[in-house]
Amino acid sequence: AQDEVFQVHWISLNNALQWVMNGDITDAKSAI
């Protein structure tokens, strides 16, 4: 939408797991 701003970043599941465990991803919905 005209007022919508977002960025897509493709990362591996292993990297995402590391980000959760390191505290880089902190919101519960994403971590779960």
Full PDB file with SEQRES, HELIX, SHEET, SSBOND, CRYST1, ORIGX, SCALE, CONECT and MASTER records, all heavy atoms in Angstrom:
SEQRES   1 A   32  ALA GLN ASP GLU VAL PHE GLN VAL HIS TRP ILE SER LEU          
SEQRES   2 A   32  ASN ASN ALA LEU GLN TRP VAL MET ASN GLY ASP ILE THR          
SEQRES   3 A   32  ASP ALA LYS SER ALA ILE                                      
HELIX    1 AA1 LEU A   13  ASN A   22  1                                  10    
HELIX    2 AA2 ALA A   28  ALA A   31  1                                   4    
CRYST1    1.000    1.000    1.000  90.00  90.00  90.00 P 1           1          
ORIGX1      1.000000  0.000000  0.000000        0.00000                         
ORIGX2      0.000000  1.000000  0.000000        0.00000                         
ORIGX3      0.000000  0.000000  1.000000        0.00000                         
SCALE1      1.000000  0.000000  0.000000        0.00000                         
SCALE2      0.000000  1.000000  0.000000        0.00000                         
SCALE3      0.000000  0.000000  1.000000        0.00000                         
ATOM      1  N   ALA A   1       0.857  -1.189   0.000  1.00  0.00           N  
ATOM      2  CA  ALA A   1       0.000   0.000   0.000  1.00  0.00           C  
ATOM      3  C   ALA A   1       0.890   1.235   0.000  1.00  0.00           C  
ATOM      4  O   ALA A   1       2.072   1.178   0.348  1.00  0.00           O  
ATOM      5  CB  ALA A   1      -0.905  -0.004   1.225  1.00  0.00           C  
ATOM      6  N   GLN A   2       0.332   2.354  -0.367  1.00  0.00           N  
ATOM      7  CA  GLN A   2       1.108   3.588  -0.516  1.00  0.00           C  
ATOM      8  C   GLN A   2       1.839   3.977   0.771  1.00  0.00           C  
ATOM      9  O   GLN A   2       2.972   4.448   0.734  1.00  0.00           O  
ATOM     10  CB  GLN A   2       0.197   4.720  -0.964  1.00  0.00           C  
ATOM     11  CG  GLN A   2       0.948   5.992  -1.312  1.00  0.00           C  
ATOM     12  CD  GLN A   2       0.020   7.056  -1.870  1.00  0.00           C  
ATOM     13  OE1 GLN A   2      -1.194   6.926  -1.815  1.00  0.00           O  
ATOM     14  NE2 GLN A   2       0.588   8.108  -2.407  1.00  0.00           N  
ATOM     15  N   ASP A   3       1.217   3.755   1.921  1.00  0.00           N  
ATOM     16  CA  ASP A   3       1.829   4.152   3.190  1.00  0.00           C  
ATOM     17  C   ASP A   3       2.527   2.992   3.903  1.00  0.00           C  
ATOM     18  O   ASP A   3       2.933   3.108   5.045  1.00  0.00           O  
ATOM     19  CB  ASP A   3       0.777   4.768   4.113  1.00  0.00           C  
ATOM     20  CG  ASP A   3      -0.343   3.794   4.448  1.00  0.00           C  
ATOM     21  OD1 ASP A   3      -0.501   2.795   3.732  1.00  0.00           O  
ATOM     22  OD2 ASP A   3      -1.070   4.051   5.420  1.00  0.00           O  
ATOM     23  N   GLU A   4       2.680   1.873   3.225  1.00  0.00           N  
ATOM     24  CA  GLU A   4       3.266   0.680   3.828  1.00  0.00           C  
ATOM     25  C   GLU A   4       4.743   0.567   3.445  1.00  0.00           C  
ATOM     26  O   GLU A   4       5.111   0.710   2.289  1.00  0.00           O  
ATOM     27  CB  GLU A   4       2.506  -0.549   3.341  1.00  0.00           C  
ATOM     28  CG  GLU A   4       2.906  -1.833   3.987  1.00  0.00           C  
ATOM     29  CD  GLU A   4       2.025  -2.978   3.531  1.00  0.00           C  
ATOM     30  OE1 GLU A   4       1.602  -3.000   2.365  1.00  0.00           O  
ATOM     31  OE2 GLU A   4       1.776  -3.865   4.350  1.00  0.00           O  
ATOM     32  N   VAL A   5       5.572   0.317   4.450  1.00  0.00           N  
ATOM     33  CA  VAL A   5       7.002   0.159   4.224  1.00  0.00           C  
ATOM     34  C   VAL A   5       7.435  -1.151   4.872  1.00  0.00           C  
ATOM     35  O   VAL A   5       7.170  -1.378   6.048  1.00  0.00           O  
ATOM     36  CB  VAL A   5       7.803   1.331   4.833  1.00  0.00           C  
ATOM     37  CG1 VAL A   5       9.288   1.121   4.652  1.00  0.00           C  
ATOM     38  CG2 VAL A   5       7.356   2.652   4.239  1.00  0.00           C  
ATOM     39  N   PHE A   6       8.063  -2.015   4.112  1.00  0.00           N  
ATOM     40  CA  PHE A   6       8.594  -3.249   4.672  1.00  0.00           C  
ATOM     41  C   PHE A   6       9.788  -3.702   3.854  1.00  0.00           C  
ATOM     42  O   PHE A   6       9.962  -3.302   2.714  1.00  0.00           O  
ATOM     43  CB  PHE A   6       7.543  -4.358   4.765  1.00  0.00           C  
ATOM     44  CG  PHE A   6       6.967  -4.775   3.438  1.00  0.00           C  
ATOM     45  CD1 PHE A   6       7.555  -5.777   2.694  1.00  0.00           C  
ATOM     46  CD2 PHE A   6       5.823  -4.166   2.938  1.00  0.00           C  
ATOM     47  CE1 PHE A   6       7.034  -6.159   1.474  1.00  0.00           C  
ATOM     48  CE2 PHE A   6       5.289  -4.547   1.728  1.00  0.00           C  
ATOM     49  CZ  PHE A   6       5.899  -5.547   0.990  1.00  0.00           C  
ATOM     50  N   GLN A   7      10.611  -4.539   4.484  1.00  0.00           N  
ATOM     51  CA  GLN A   7      11.774  -5.113   3.827  1.00  0.00           C  
ATOM     52  C   GLN A   7      11.742  -6.614   4.034  1.00  0.00           C  
ATOM     53  O   GLN A   7      11.386  -7.086   5.114  1.00  0.00           O  
ATOM     54  CB  GLN A   7      13.069  -4.559   4.400  1.00  0.00           C  
ATOM     55  CG  GLN A   7      13.276  -3.089   4.164  1.00  0.00           C  
ATOM     56  CD  GLN A   7      14.575  -2.610   4.810  1.00  0.00           C  
ATOM     57  OE1 GLN A   7      15.136  -3.260   5.682  1.00  0.00           O  
ATOM     58  NE2 GLN A   7      15.048  -1.461   4.358  1.00  0.00           N  
ATOM     59  N   VAL A   8      12.115  -7.362   3.024  1.00  0.00           N  
ATOM     60  CA  VAL A   8      12.184  -8.811   3.110  1.00  0.00           C  
ATOM     61  C   VAL A   8      13.652  -9.212   3.161  1.00  0.00           C  
ATOM     62  O   VAL A   8      14.465  -8.738   2.367  1.00  0.00           O  
ATOM     63  CB  VAL A   8      11.503  -9.475   1.893  1.00  0.00           C  
ATOM     64  CG1 VAL A   8      11.663 -10.986   1.947  1.00  0.00           C  
ATOM     65  CG2 VAL A   8      10.033  -9.085   1.837  1.00  0.00           C  
ATOM     66  N   HIS A   9      13.982 -10.055   4.125  1.00  0.00           N  
ATOM     67  CA  HIS A   9      15.339 -10.573   4.261  1.00  0.00           C  
ATOM     68  C   HIS A   9      15.247 -12.096   4.297  1.00  0.00           C  
ATOM     69  O   HIS A   9      14.609 -12.649   5.185  1.00  0.00           O  
ATOM     70  CB  HIS A   9      16.001 -10.072   5.549  1.00  0.00           C  
ATOM     71  CG  HIS A   9      16.136  -8.595   5.616  1.00  0.00           C  
ATOM     72  ND1 HIS A   9      17.198  -7.920   5.064  1.00  0.00           N  
ATOM     73  CD2 HIS A   9      15.333  -7.656   6.159  1.00  0.00           C  
ATOM     74  CE1 HIS A   9      17.048  -6.631   5.263  1.00  0.00           C  
ATOM     75  NE2 HIS A   9      15.922  -6.445   5.932  1.00  0.00           N  
ATOM     76  N   TRP A  10      15.864 -12.756   3.349  1.00  0.00           N  
ATOM     77  CA  TRP A  10      15.873 -14.214   3.295  1.00  0.00           C  
ATOM     78  C   TRP A  10      17.056 -14.709   4.109  1.00  0.00           C  
ATOM     79  O   TRP A  10      18.195 -14.360   3.832  1.00  0.00           O  
ATOM     80  CB  TRP A  10      16.001 -14.695   1.861  1.00  0.00           C  
ATOM     81  CG  TRP A  10      14.830 -14.338   1.004  1.00  0.00           C  
ATOM     82  CD1 TRP A  10      14.594 -13.126   0.418  1.00  0.00           C  
ATOM     83  CD2 TRP A  10      13.747 -15.170   0.640  1.00  0.00           C  
ATOM     84  NE1 TRP A  10      13.420 -13.170  -0.289  1.00  0.00           N  
ATOM     85  CE2 TRP A  10      12.875 -14.411  -0.182  1.00  0.00           C  
ATOM     86  CE3 TRP A  10      13.422 -16.495   0.907  1.00  0.00           C  
ATOM     87  CZ2 TRP A  10      11.707 -14.928  -0.719  1.00  0.00           C  
ATOM     88  CZ3 TRP A  10      12.255 -17.007   0.365  1.00  0.00           C  
ATOM     89  CH2 TRP A  10      11.411 -16.229  -0.424  1.00  0.00           C  
ATOM     90  N   ILE A  11      16.775 -15.503   5.157  1.00  0.00           N  
ATOM     91  CA  ILE A  11      17.845 -16.090   5.964  1.00  0.00           C  
ATOM     92  C   ILE A  11      17.529 -17.564   6.180  1.00  0.00           C  
ATOM     93  O   ILE A  11      16.377 -17.999   6.050  1.00  0.00           O  
ATOM     94  CB  ILE A  11      18.012 -15.374   7.327  1.00  0.00           C  
ATOM     95  CG1 ILE A  11      16.754 -15.525   8.185  1.00  0.00           C  
ATOM     96  CG2 ILE A  11      18.381 -13.918   7.146  1.00  0.00           C  
ATOM     97  CD1 ILE A  11      16.956 -15.129   9.629  1.00  0.00           C  
ATOM     98  N   SER A  12      18.537 -18.316   6.536  1.00  0.00           N  
ATOM     99  CA  SER A  12      18.331 -19.746   6.780  1.00  0.00           C  
ATOM    100  C   SER A  12      17.626 -19.946   8.126  1.00  0.00           C  
ATOM    101  O   SER A  12      17.676 -19.079   9.010  1.00  0.00           O  
ATOM    102  CB  SER A  12      19.671 -20.473   6.797  1.00  0.00           C  
ATOM    103  OG  SER A  12      20.413 -20.110   7.940  1.00  0.00           O  
ATOM    104  N   LEU A  13      17.004 -21.094   8.265  1.00  0.00           N  
ATOM    105  CA  LEU A  13      16.355 -21.423   9.530  1.00  0.00           C  
ATOM    106  C   LEU A  13      17.387 -21.492  10.648  1.00  0.00           C  
ATOM    107  O   LEU A  13      17.127 -21.040  11.766  1.00  0.00           O  
ATOM    108  CB  LEU A  13      15.592 -22.746   9.414  1.00  0.00           C  
ATOM    109  CG  LEU A  13      14.883 -23.242  10.666  1.00  0.00           C  
ATOM    110  CD1 LEU A  13      13.906 -22.206  11.207  1.00  0.00           C  
ATOM    111  CD2 LEU A  13      14.171 -24.557  10.385  1.00  0.00           C  
ATOM    112  N   ASN A  14      18.561 -22.015  10.358  1.00  0.00           N  
ATOM    113  CA  ASN A  14      19.605 -22.079  11.389  1.00  0.00           C  
ATOM    114  C   ASN A  14      20.008 -20.691  11.865  1.00  0.00           C  
ATOM    115  O   ASN A  14      20.225 -20.480  13.061  1.00  0.00           O  
ATOM    116  CB  ASN A  14      20.828 -22.851  10.882  1.00  0.00           C  
ATOM    117  CG  ASN A  14      20.575 -24.346  10.839  1.00  0.00           C  
ATOM    118  OD1 ASN A  14      19.732 -24.865  11.563  1.00  0.00           O  
ATOM    119  ND2 ASN A  14      21.294 -25.031   9.980  1.00  0.00           N  
ATOM    120  N   ASN A  15      20.114 -19.736  10.945  1.00  0.00           N  
ATOM    121  CA  ASN A  15      20.423 -18.364  11.355  1.00  0.00           C  
ATOM    122  C   ASN A  15      19.297 -17.788  12.204  1.00  0.00           C  
ATOM    123  O   ASN A  15      19.544 -17.115  13.205  1.00  0.00           O  
ATOM    124  CB  ASN A  15      20.670 -17.460  10.144  1.00  0.00           C  
ATOM    125  CG  ASN A  15      22.043 -17.627   9.558  1.00  0.00           C  
ATOM    126  OD1 ASN A  15      22.896 -18.314  10.121  1.00  0.00           O  
ATOM    127  ND2 ASN A  15      22.275 -17.020   8.412  1.00  0.00           N  
ATOM    128  N   ALA A  16      18.059 -18.038  11.811  1.00  0.00           N  
ATOM    129  CA  ALA A  16      16.915 -17.549  12.586  1.00  0.00           C  
ATOM    130  C   ALA A  16      16.935 -18.141  13.992  1.00  0.00           C  
ATOM    131  O   ALA A  16      16.677 -17.440  14.974  1.00  0.00           O  
ATOM    132  CB  ALA A  16      15.610 -17.878  11.878  1.00  0.00           C  
ATOM    133  N   LEU A  17      17.243 -19.430  14.101  1.00  0.00           N  
ATOM    134  CA  LEU A  17      17.353 -20.062  15.423  1.00  0.00           C  
ATOM    135  C   LEU A  17      18.435 -19.393  16.258  1.00  0.00           C  
ATOM    136  O   LEU A  17      18.236 -19.139  17.451  1.00  0.00           O  
ATOM    137  CB  LEU A  17      17.665 -21.551  15.276  1.00  0.00           C  
ATOM    138  CG  LEU A  17      16.516 -22.458  14.874  1.00  0.00           C  
ATOM    139  CD1 LEU A  17      17.044 -23.820  14.442  1.00  0.00           C  
ATOM    140  CD2 LEU A  17      15.521 -22.589  16.003  1.00  0.00           C  
ATOM    141  N   GLN A  18      19.565 -19.105  15.645  1.00  0.00           N  
ATOM    142  CA  GLN A  18      20.637 -18.424  16.367  1.00  0.00           C  
ATOM    143  C   GLN A  18      20.179 -17.056  16.847  1.00  0.00           C  
ATOM    144  O   GLN A  18      20.492 -16.643  17.968  1.00  0.00           O  
ATOM    145  CB  GLN A  18      21.875 -18.282  15.486  1.00  0.00           C  
ATOM    146  CG  GLN A  18      22.599 -19.583  15.254  1.00  0.00           C  
ATOM    147  CD  GLN A  18      23.768 -19.431  14.300  1.00  0.00           C  
ATOM    148  OE1 GLN A  18      23.933 -18.404  13.636  1.00  0.00           O  
ATOM    149  NE2 GLN A  18      24.585 -20.468  14.221  1.00  0.00           N  
ATOM    150  N   TRP A  19      19.459 -16.324  15.999  1.00  0.00           N  
ATOM    151  CA  TRP A  19      18.974 -14.995  16.380  1.00  0.00           C  
ATOM    152  C   TRP A  19      18.017 -15.079  17.558  1.00  0.00           C  
ATOM    153  O   TRP A  19      18.022 -14.225  18.439  1.00  0.00           O  
ATOM    154  CB  TRP A  19      18.314 -14.301  15.199  1.00  0.00           C  
ATOM    155  CG  TRP A  19      19.269 -13.882  14.114  1.00  0.00           C  
ATOM    156  CD1 TRP A  19      20.624 -14.070  14.079  1.00  0.00           C  
ATOM    157  CD2 TRP A  19      18.933 -13.213  12.911  1.00  0.00           C  
ATOM    158  NE1 TRP A  19      21.143 -13.564  12.924  1.00  0.00           N  
ATOM    159  CE2 TRP A  19      20.135 -13.028  12.180  1.00  0.00           C  
ATOM    160  CE3 TRP A  19      17.745 -12.759  12.359  1.00  0.00           C  
ATOM    161  CZ2 TRP A  19      20.165 -12.402  10.950  1.00  0.00           C  
ATOM    162  CZ3 TRP A  19      17.786 -12.137  11.124  1.00  0.00           C  
ATOM    163  CH2 TRP A  19      18.993 -11.951  10.431  1.00  0.00           C  
ATOM    164  N   VAL A  20      17.159 -16.109  17.581  1.00  0.00           N  
ATOM    165  CA  VAL A  20      16.249 -16.292  18.719  1.00  0.00           C  
ATOM    166  C   VAL A  20      17.053 -16.565  19.981  1.00  0.00           C  
ATOM    167  O   VAL A  20      16.852 -15.931  21.020  1.00  0.00           O  
ATOM    168  CB  VAL A  20      15.243 -17.435  18.458  1.00  0.00           C  
ATOM    169  CG1 VAL A  20      14.489 -17.805  19.728  1.00  0.00           C  
ATOM    170  CG2 VAL A  20      14.265 -17.059  17.356  1.00  0.00           C  
ATOM    171  N   MET A  21      17.984 -17.505  19.897  1.00  0.00           N  
ATOM    172  CA  MET A  21      18.741 -17.910  21.080  1.00  0.00           C  
ATOM    173  C   MET A  21      19.698 -16.821  21.555  1.00  0.00           C  
ATOM    174  O   MET A  21      19.981 -16.732  22.754  1.00  0.00           O  
ATOM    175  CB  MET A  21      19.509 -19.210  20.790  1.00  0.00           C  
ATOM    176  CG  MET A  21      18.592 -20.387  20.429  1.00  0.00           C  
ATOM    177  SD  MET A  21      17.219 -20.640  21.594  1.00  0.00           S  
ATOM    178  CE  MET A  21      18.110 -21.175  23.034  1.00  0.00           C  
ATOM    179  N   ASN A  22      20.165 -15.960  20.646  1.00  0.00           N  
ATOM    180  CA  ASN A  22      21.056 -14.852  21.025  1.00  0.00           C  
ATOM    181  C   ASN A  22      20.291 -13.641  21.547  1.00  0.00           C  
ATOM    182  O   ASN A  22      20.898 -12.686  22.018  1.00  0.00           O  
ATOM    183  CB  ASN A  22      21.911 -14.403  19.839  1.00  0.00           C  
ATOM    184  CG  ASN A  22      22.912 -15.439  19.426  1.00  0.00           C  
ATOM    185  OD1 ASN A  22      23.265 -16.319  20.199  1.00  0.00           O  
ATOM    186  ND2 ASN A  22      23.377 -15.358  18.192  1.00  0.00           N  
ATOM    187  N   GLY A  23      18.971 -13.647  21.400  1.00  0.00           N  
ATOM    188  CA  GLY A  23      18.179 -12.506  21.837  1.00  0.00           C  
ATOM    189  C   GLY A  23      18.048 -11.419  20.790  1.00  0.00           C  
ATOM    190  O   GLY A  23      17.567 -10.336  21.083  1.00  0.00           O  
ATOM    191  N   ASP A  24      18.493 -11.701  19.549  1.00  0.00           N  
ATOM    192  CA  ASP A  24      18.336 -10.711  18.480  1.00  0.00           C  
ATOM    193  C   ASP A  24      16.879 -10.632  18.009  1.00  0.00           C  
ATOM    194  O   ASP A  24      16.433  -9.587  17.560  1.00  0.00           O  
ATOM    195  CB  ASP A  24      19.240 -11.044  17.296  1.00  0.00           C  
ATOM    196  CG  ASP A  24      20.717 -10.948  17.672  1.00  0.00           C  
ATOM    197  OD1 ASP A  24      21.070 -10.044  18.450  1.00  0.00           O  
ATOM    198  OD2 ASP A  24      21.500 -11.776  17.182  1.00  0.00           O  
ATOM    199  N   ILE A  25      16.164 -11.734  18.079  1.00  0.00           N  
ATOM    200  CA  ILE A  25      14.720 -11.753  17.818  1.00  0.00           C  
ATOM    201  C   ILE A  25      14.069 -11.863  19.181  1.00  0.00           C  
ATOM    202  O   ILE A  25      14.245 -12.852  19.892  1.00  0.00           O  
ATOM    203  CB  ILE A  25      14.309 -12.927  16.913  1.00  0.00           C  
ATOM    204  CG1 ILE A  25      14.912 -12.740  15.518  1.00  0.00           C  
ATOM    205  CG2 ILE A  25      12.784 -13.049  16.845  1.00  0.00           C  
ATOM    206  CD1 ILE A  25      14.634 -13.863  14.556  1.00  0.00           C  
ATOM    207  N   THR A  26      13.290 -10.840  19.563  1.00  0.00           N  
ATOM    208  CA  THR A  26      12.765 -10.789  20.929  1.00  0.00           C  
ATOM    209  C   THR A  26      11.252 -10.888  21.024  1.00  0.00           C  
ATOM    210  O   THR A  26      10.733 -11.112  22.115  1.00  0.00           O  
ATOM    211  CB  THR A  26      13.212  -9.489  21.617  1.00  0.00           C  
ATOM    212  OG1 THR A  26      12.756  -8.373  20.841  1.00  0.00           O  
ATOM    213  CG2 THR A  26      14.726  -9.429  21.751  1.00  0.00           C  
ATOM    214  N   ASP A  27      10.529 -10.713  19.916  1.00  0.00           N  
ATOM    215  CA  ASP A  27       9.074 -10.799  20.065  1.00  0.00           C  
ATOM    216  C   ASP A  27       8.651 -12.264  20.075  1.00  0.00           C  
ATOM    217  O   ASP A  27       9.178 -13.099  19.336  1.00  0.00           O  
ATOM    218  CB  ASP A  27       8.343  -9.999  18.974  1.00  0.00           C  
ATOM    219  CG  ASP A  27       8.421 -10.638  17.616  1.00  0.00           C  
ATOM    220  OD1 ASP A  27       9.459 -10.507  16.952  1.00  0.00           O  
ATOM    221  OD2 ASP A  27       7.438 -11.296  17.231  1.00  0.00           O  
ATOM    222  N   ALA A  28       7.733 -12.586  20.963  1.00  0.00           N  
ATOM    223  CA  ALA A  28       7.351 -13.968  21.228  1.00  0.00           C  
ATOM    224  C   ALA A  28       6.748 -14.658  20.016  1.00  0.00           C  
ATOM    225  O   ALA A  28       7.024 -15.838  19.772  1.00  0.00           O  
ATOM    226  CB  ALA A  28       6.379 -14.023  22.401  1.00  0.00           C  
ATOM    227  N   LYS A  29       5.937 -13.950  19.231  1.00  0.00           N  
ATOM    228  CA  LYS A  29       5.302 -14.590  18.064  1.00  0.00           C  
ATOM    229  C   LYS A  29       6.349 -15.098  17.088  1.00  0.00           C  
ATOM    230  O   LYS A  29       6.269 -16.228  16.614  1.00  0.00           O  
ATOM    231  CB  LYS A  29       4.368 -13.613  17.357  1.00  0.00           C  
ATOM    232  CG  LYS A  29       3.162 -13.192  18.164  1.00  0.00           C  
ATOM    233  CD  LYS A  29       2.276 -12.248  17.393  1.00  0.00           C  
ATOM    234  CE  LYS A  29       2.922 -10.973  16.959  1.00  0.00           C  
ATOM    235  NZ  LYS A  29       3.350 -10.037  17.970  1.00  0.00           N  
ATOM    236  N   SER A  30       7.342 -14.284  16.808  1.00  0.00           N  
ATOM    237  CA  SER A  30       8.387 -14.687  15.867  1.00  0.00           C  
ATOM    238  C   SER A  30       9.233 -15.819  16.440  1.00  0.00           C  
ATOM    239  O   SER A  30       9.539 -16.787  15.739  1.00  0.00           O  
ATOM    240  CB  SER A  30       9.281 -13.499  15.523  1.00  0.00           C  
ATOM    241  OG  SER A  30       8.540 -12.500  14.873  1.00  0.00           O  
ATOM    242  N   ALA A  31       9.609 -15.711  17.709  1.00  0.00           N  
ATOM    243  CA  ALA A  31      10.436 -16.738  18.335  1.00  0.00           C  
ATOM    244  C   ALA A  31       9.716 -18.086  18.348  1.00  0.00           C  
ATOM    245  O   ALA A  31      10.302 -19.118  18.006  1.00  0.00           O  
ATOM    246  CB  ALA A  31      10.816 -16.320  19.751  1.00  0.00           C  
ATOM    247  N   ILE A  32       8.448 -18.083  18.711  1.00  0.00           N  
ATOM    248  CA  ILE A  32       7.686 -19.329  18.745  1.00  0.00           C  
ATOM    249  C   ILE A  32       7.550 -19.909  17.342  1.00  0.00           C  
ATOM    250  O   ILE A  32       7.702 -21.120  17.134  1.00  0.00           O  
ATOM    251  CB  ILE A  32       6.304 -19.102  19.386  1.00  0.00           C  
ATOM    252  CG1 ILE A  32       6.483 -18.857  20.884  1.00  0.00           C  
ATOM    253  CG2 ILE A  32       5.369 -20.279  19.126  1.00  0.00           C  
ATOM    254  CD1 ILE A  32       5.240 -18.346  21.578  1.00  0.00           C  
TER     255      ILE A  32                                                      
MASTER        0    0    0    2    0    0    0    6  254    1    0    3          
END                                                                             
